[in-house]
PDB file of N, CA and C in Angstrom:
ATOM      1  N   UNK A   1      40.562-101.187  41.064  1.00  0.00           N
ATOM      2  CA  UNK A   1      39.576-101.576  40.068  1.00  0.00           C
ATOM      3  C   UNK A   1      39.943-102.949  39.499  1.00  0.00           C
ATOM      4  N   UNK A   2      38.934-103.772  39.302  1.00  0.00           N
ATOM      5  CA  UNK A   2      39.166-105.112  38.788  1.00  0.00           C
ATOM      6  C   UNK A   2      39.217-105.106  37.268  1.00  0.00           C
ATOM      7  N   UNK A   3      40.056-105.975  36.774  1.00  0.00           N
ATOM      8  CA  UNK A   3      40.041-106.185  35.332  1.00  0.00           C
ATOM      9  C   UNK A   3      38.895-107.135  35.010  1.00  0.00           C
ATOM     10  N   UNK A   4      38.539-107.204  33.751  1.00  0.00           N
ATOM     11  CA  UNK A   4      37.443-108.090  33.351  1.00  0.00           C
ATOM     12  C   UNK A   4      37.803-109.548  33.634  1.00  0.00           C
ATOM     13  N   UNK A   5      39.072-109.893  33.502  1.00  0.00           N
ATOM     14  CA  UNK A   5      39.508-111.270  33.776  1.00  0.00           C
ATOM     15  C   UNK A   5      39.360-111.606  35.262  1.00  0.00           C
ATOM     16  N   UNK A   6      39.720-110.643  36.127  1.00  0.00           N
ATOM     17  CA  UNK A   6      39.573-110.854  37.558  1.00  0.00           C
ATOM     18  C   UNK A   6      38.095-110.977  37.923  1.00  0.00           C
ATOM     19  N   UNK A   7      37.272-110.162  37.305  1.00  0.00           N
ATOM     20  CA  UNK A   7      35.839-110.210  37.553  1.00  0.00           C
ATOM     21  C   UNK A   7      35.261-111.554  37.120  1.00  0.00           C
ATOM     22  N   UNK A   8      35.666-112.039  35.949  1.00  0.00           N
ATOM     23  CA  UNK A   8      35.179-113.331  35.461  1.00  0.00           C
ATOM     24  C   UNK A   8      35.629-114.467  36.386  1.00  0.00           C
ATOM     25  N   UNK A   9      36.871-114.415  36.849  1.00  0.00           N
ATOM     26  CA  UNK A   9      37.380-115.446  37.756  1.00  0.00           C
ATOM     27  C   UNK A   9      36.597-115.420  39.071  1.00  0.00           C
ATOM     28  N   UNK A  10      36.343-114.235  39.583  1.00  0.00           N
ATOM     29  CA  UNK A  10      35.595-114.094  40.831  1.00  0.00           C
ATOM     30  C   UNK A  10      34.161-114.592  40.653  1.00  0.00           C
ATOM     31  N   UNK A  11      33.543-114.232  39.544  1.00  0.00           N
ATOM     32  CA  UNK A  11      32.181-114.678  39.254  1.00  0.00           C
ATOM     33  C   UNK A  11      32.131-116.195  39.159  1.00  0.00           C
ATOM     34  N   UNK A  12      33.099-116.799  38.492  1.00  0.00           N
ATOM     35  CA  UNK A  12      33.167-118.261  38.363  1.00  0.00           C
ATOM     36  C   UNK A  12      33.317-118.899  39.738  1.00  0.00           C
ATOM     37  N   UNK A  13      34.152-118.317  40.589  1.00  0.00           N
ATOM     38  CA  UNK A  13      34.346-118.830  41.939  1.00  0.00           C
ATOM     39  C   UNK A  13      33.030-118.791  42.714  1.00  0.00           C
ATOM     40  N   UNK A  14      32.309-117.692  42.608  1.00  0.00           N
ATOM     41  CA  UNK A  14      31.013-117.578  43.292  1.00  0.00           C
ATOM     42  C   UNK A  14      30.007-118.584  42.751  1.00  0.00           C
ATOM     43  N   UNK A  15      29.970-118.753  41.445  1.00  0.00           N
ATOM     44  CA  UNK A  15      29.046-119.723  40.843  1.00  0.00           C
ATOM     45  C   UNK A  15      29.357-121.132  41.314  1.00  0.00           C
ATOM     46  N   UNK A  16      30.640-121.464  41.415  1.00  0.00           N
ATOM     47  CA  UNK A  16      31.032-122.789  41.902  1.00  0.00           C
ATOM     48  C   UNK A  16      30.596-122.986  43.349  1.00  0.00           C
ATOM     49  N   UNK A  17      30.782-121.956  44.161  1.00  0.00           N
ATOM     50  CA  UNK A  17      30.401-122.044  45.578  1.00  0.00           C
ATOM     51  C   UNK A  17      28.892-122.212  45.726  1.00  0.00           C
ATOM     52  N   UNK A  18      28.135-121.442  44.979  1.00  0.00           N
ATOM     53  CA  UNK A  18      26.674-121.559  45.028  1.00  0.00           C
ATOM     54  C   UNK A  18      26.252-122.945  44.539  1.00  0.00           C
ATOM     55  N   UNK A  19      26.915-123.461  43.530  1.00  0.00           N
ATOM     56  CA  UNK A  19      26.622-124.807  43.045  1.00  0.00           C
ATOM     57  C   UNK A  19      26.825-125.851  44.132  1.00  0.00           C
ATOM     58  N   UNK A  20      27.877-125.698  44.917  1.00  0.00           N
ATOM     59  CA  UNK A  20      28.121-126.621  46.036  1.00  0.00           C
ATOM     60  C   UNK A  20      27.010-126.520  47.066  1.00  0.00           C
ATOM     61  N   UNK A  21      26.579-125.292  47.352  1.00  0.00           N
ATOM     62  CA  UNK A  21      25.494-125.103  48.319  1.00  0.00           C
ATOM     63  C   UNK A  21      24.206-125.749  47.833  1.00  0.00           C
ATOM     64  N   UNK A  22      23.920-125.579  46.551  1.00  0.00           N
ATOM     65  CA  UNK A  22      22.712-126.191  45.984  1.00  0.00           C
ATOM     66  C   UNK A  22      22.784-127.709  46.083  1.00  0.00           C
ATOM     67  N   UNK A  23      23.938-128.263  45.771  1.00  0.00           N
ATOM     68  CA  UNK A  23      24.109-129.715  45.829  1.00  0.00           C
ATOM     69  C   UNK A  23      23.920-130.213  47.261  1.00  0.00           C
ATOM     70  N   UNK A  24      24.522-129.515  48.218  1.00  0.00           N
ATOM     71  CA  UNK A  24      24.389-129.908  49.622  1.00  0.00           C
ATOM     72  C   UNK A  24      22.935-129.804  50.076  1.00  0.00           C
ATOM     73  N   UNK A  25      22.256-128.747  49.667  1.00  0.00           N
ATOM     74  CA  UNK A  25      20.847-128.565  50.031  1.00  0.00           C
ATOM     75  C   UNK A  25      20.000-129.691  49.444  1.00  0.00           C
ATOM     76  N   UNK A  26      20.225-130.001  48.177  1.00  0.00           N
ATOM     77  CA  UNK A  26      19.466-131.079  47.534  1.00  0.00           C
ATOM     78  C   UNK A  26      19.688-132.407  48.251  1.00  0.00           C
ATOM     79  N   UNK A  27      20.936-132.680  48.632  1.00  0.00           N
ATOM     80  CA  UNK A  27      21.240-133.919  49.342  1.00  0.00           C
ATOM     81  C   UNK A  27      20.524-133.954  50.691  1.00  0.00           C
ATOM     82  N   UNK A  28      20.504-132.834  51.394  1.00  0.00           N
ATOM     83  CA  UNK A  28      19.802-132.780  52.675  1.00  0.00           C
ATOM     84  C   UNK A  28      18.295-132.968  52.509  1.00  0.00           C
ATOM     85  N   UNK A  29      17.744-132.409  51.455  1.00  0.00           N
ATOM     86  CA  UNK A  29      16.308-132.553  51.222  1.00  0.00           C
ATOM     87  C   UNK A  29      15.956-134.005  50.905  1.00  0.00           C
ATOM     88  N   UNK A  30      16.807-134.698  50.165  1.00  0.00           N
ATOM     89  CA  UNK A  30      16.578-136.114  49.877  1.00  0.00           C
ATOM     90  C   UNK A  30      16.600-136.906  51.182  1.00  0.00           C
ATOM     91  N   UNK A  31      17.607-136.615  52.014  1.00  0.00           N
ATOM     92  CA  UNK A  31      17.704-137.305  53.301  1.00  0.00           C
ATOM     93  C   UNK A  31      16.491-137.005  54.175  1.00  0.00           C
ATOM     94  N   UNK A  32      16.065-135.752  54.190  1.00  0.00           N
ATOM     95  CA  UNK A  32      14.887-135.362  54.971  1.00  0.00           C
ATOM     96  C   UNK A  32      13.650-136.117  54.494  1.00  0.00           C
ATOM     97  N   UNK A  33      13.458-136.178  53.190  1.00  0.00           N
ATOM     98  CA  UNK A  33      12.293-136.872  52.646  1.00  0.00           C
ATOM     99  C   UNK A  33      12.313-138.356  52.986  1.00  0.00           C
ATOM    100  N   UNK A  34      13.501-138.959  52.966  1.00  0.00           N
ATOM    101  CA  UNK A  34      13.613-140.369  53.339  1.00  0.00           C
ATOM    102  C   UNK A  34      13.236-140.568  54.803  1.00  0.00           C
ATOM    103  N   UNK A  35      13.681-139.648  55.669  1.00  0.00           N
ATOM    104  CA  UNK A  35      13.344-139.746  57.086  1.00  0.00           C
ATOM    105  C   UNK A  35      11.847-139.554  57.318  1.00  0.00           C
ATOM    106  N   UNK A  36      11.258-138.599  56.629  1.00  0.00           N
ATOM    107  CA  UNK A  36       9.814-138.364  56.767  1.00  0.00           C
ATOM    108  C   UNK A  36       9.044-139.601  56.319  1.00  0.00           C
ATOM    109  N   UNK A  37       9.444-140.194  55.214  1.00  0.00           N
ATOM    110  CA  UNK A  37       8.768-141.397  54.730  1.00  0.00           C
ATOM    111  C   UNK A  37       8.910-142.544  55.717  1.00  0.00           C
ATOM    112  N   UNK A  38      10.104-142.692  56.309  1.00  0.00           N
ATOM    113  CA  UNK A  38      10.324-143.756  57.299  1.00  0.00           C
ATOM    114  C   UNK A  38       9.460-143.516  58.534  1.00  0.00           C
ATOM    115  N   UNK A  39       9.336-142.279  58.972  1.00  0.00           N
ATOM    116  CA  UNK A  39       8.483-141.956  60.119  1.00  0.00           C
ATOM    117  C   UNK A  39       7.039-142.324  59.813  1.00  0.00           C
ATOM    118  N   UNK A  40       6.588-142.016  58.617  1.00  0.00           N
ATOM    119  CA  UNK A  40       5.209-142.365  58.227  1.00  0.00           C
ATOM    120  C   UNK A  40       5.008-143.874  58.231  1.00  0.00           C
ATOM    121  N   UNK A  41       6.010-144.602  57.731  1.00  0.00           N
ATOM    122  CA  UNK A  41       5.921-146.065  57.741  1.00  0.00           C
ATOM    123  C   UNK A  41       5.818-146.586  59.174  1.00  0.00           C
ATOM    124  N   UNK A  42       6.644-146.042  60.058  1.00  0.00           N
ATOM    125  CA  UNK A  42       6.618-146.482  61.451  1.00  0.00           C
ATOM    126  C   UNK A  42       5.302-146.120  62.126  1.00  0.00           C
ATOM    127  N   UNK A  43       4.749-144.969  61.810  1.00  0.00           N
ATOM    128  CA  UNK A  43       3.451-144.591  62.373  1.00  0.00           C
ATOM    129  C   UNK A  43       2.364-145.559  61.919  1.00  0.00           C
ATOM    130  N   UNK A  44       2.411-145.937  60.654  1.00  0.00           N
ATOM    131  CA  UNK A  44       1.429-146.888  60.116  1.00  0.00           C
ATOM    132  C   UNK A  44       1.576-148.241  60.799  1.00  0.00           C
ATOM    133  N   UNK A  45       2.828-148.700  60.940  1.00  0.00           N
ATOM    134  CA  UNK A  45       3.066-149.974  61.626  1.00  0.00           C
ATOM    135  C   UNK A  45       2.564-149.911  63.066  1.00  0.00           C
ATOM    136  N   UNK A  46       2.815-148.813  63.729  1.00  0.00           N
ATOM    137  CA  UNK A  46       2.398-148.641  65.121  1.00  0.00           C
ATOM    138  C   UNK A  46       0.877-148.697  65.226  1.00  0.00           C
ATOM    139  N   UNK A  47       0.191-148.018  64.315  1.00  0.00           N
ATOM    140  CA  UNK A  47      -1.272-148.028  64.330  1.00  0.00           C
ATOM    141  C   UNK A  47      -1.800-149.450  64.087  1.00  0.00           C
ATOM    142  N   UNK A  48      -1.157-150.175  63.178  1.00  0.00           N
ATOM    143  CA  UNK A  48      -1.583-151.543  62.894  1.00  0.00           C
ATOM    144  C   UNK A  48      -1.368-152.452  64.096  1.00  0.00           C
ATOM    145  N   UNK A  49      -0.243-152.283  64.780  1.00  0.00           N
ATOM    146  CA  UNK A  49       0.033-153.107  65.955  1.00  0.00           C
ATOM    147  C   UNK A  49      -0.937-152.803  67.088  1.00  0.00           C
ATOM    148  N   UNK A  50      -1.291-151.548  67.252  1.00  0.00           N
ATOM    149  CA  UNK A  50      -2.244-151.170  68.290  1.00  0.00           C
ATOM    150  C   UNK A  50      -3.628-151.712  67.985  1.00  0.00           C
ATOM    151  N   UNK A  51      -3.938-151.847  66.707  1.00  0.00           N
ATOM    152  CA  UNK A  51      -5.249-152.319  66.288  1.00  0.00           C
ATOM    153  C   UNK A  51      -5.404-153.823  66.450  1.00  0.00           C
ATOM    154  N   UNK A  52      -4.299-154.530  66.611  1.00  0.00           N
ATOM    155  CA  UNK A  52      -4.377-155.987  66.725  1.00  0.00           C
ATOM    156  C   UNK A  52      -4.813-156.444  68.097  1.00  0.00           C
TER     157      UNK A  52
END
């Protein structure tokens, strides 16, 4: 059986780990959005070049 102190330490460890996952996910989403925006820019440039 865990003591309350052990439980609190374990809970804190889990919260820290989940926080890292959230941070990593947010960073990946920012990178994804930047790539999507760049693809859209390139598609627009491509359409403009084809139209010339």
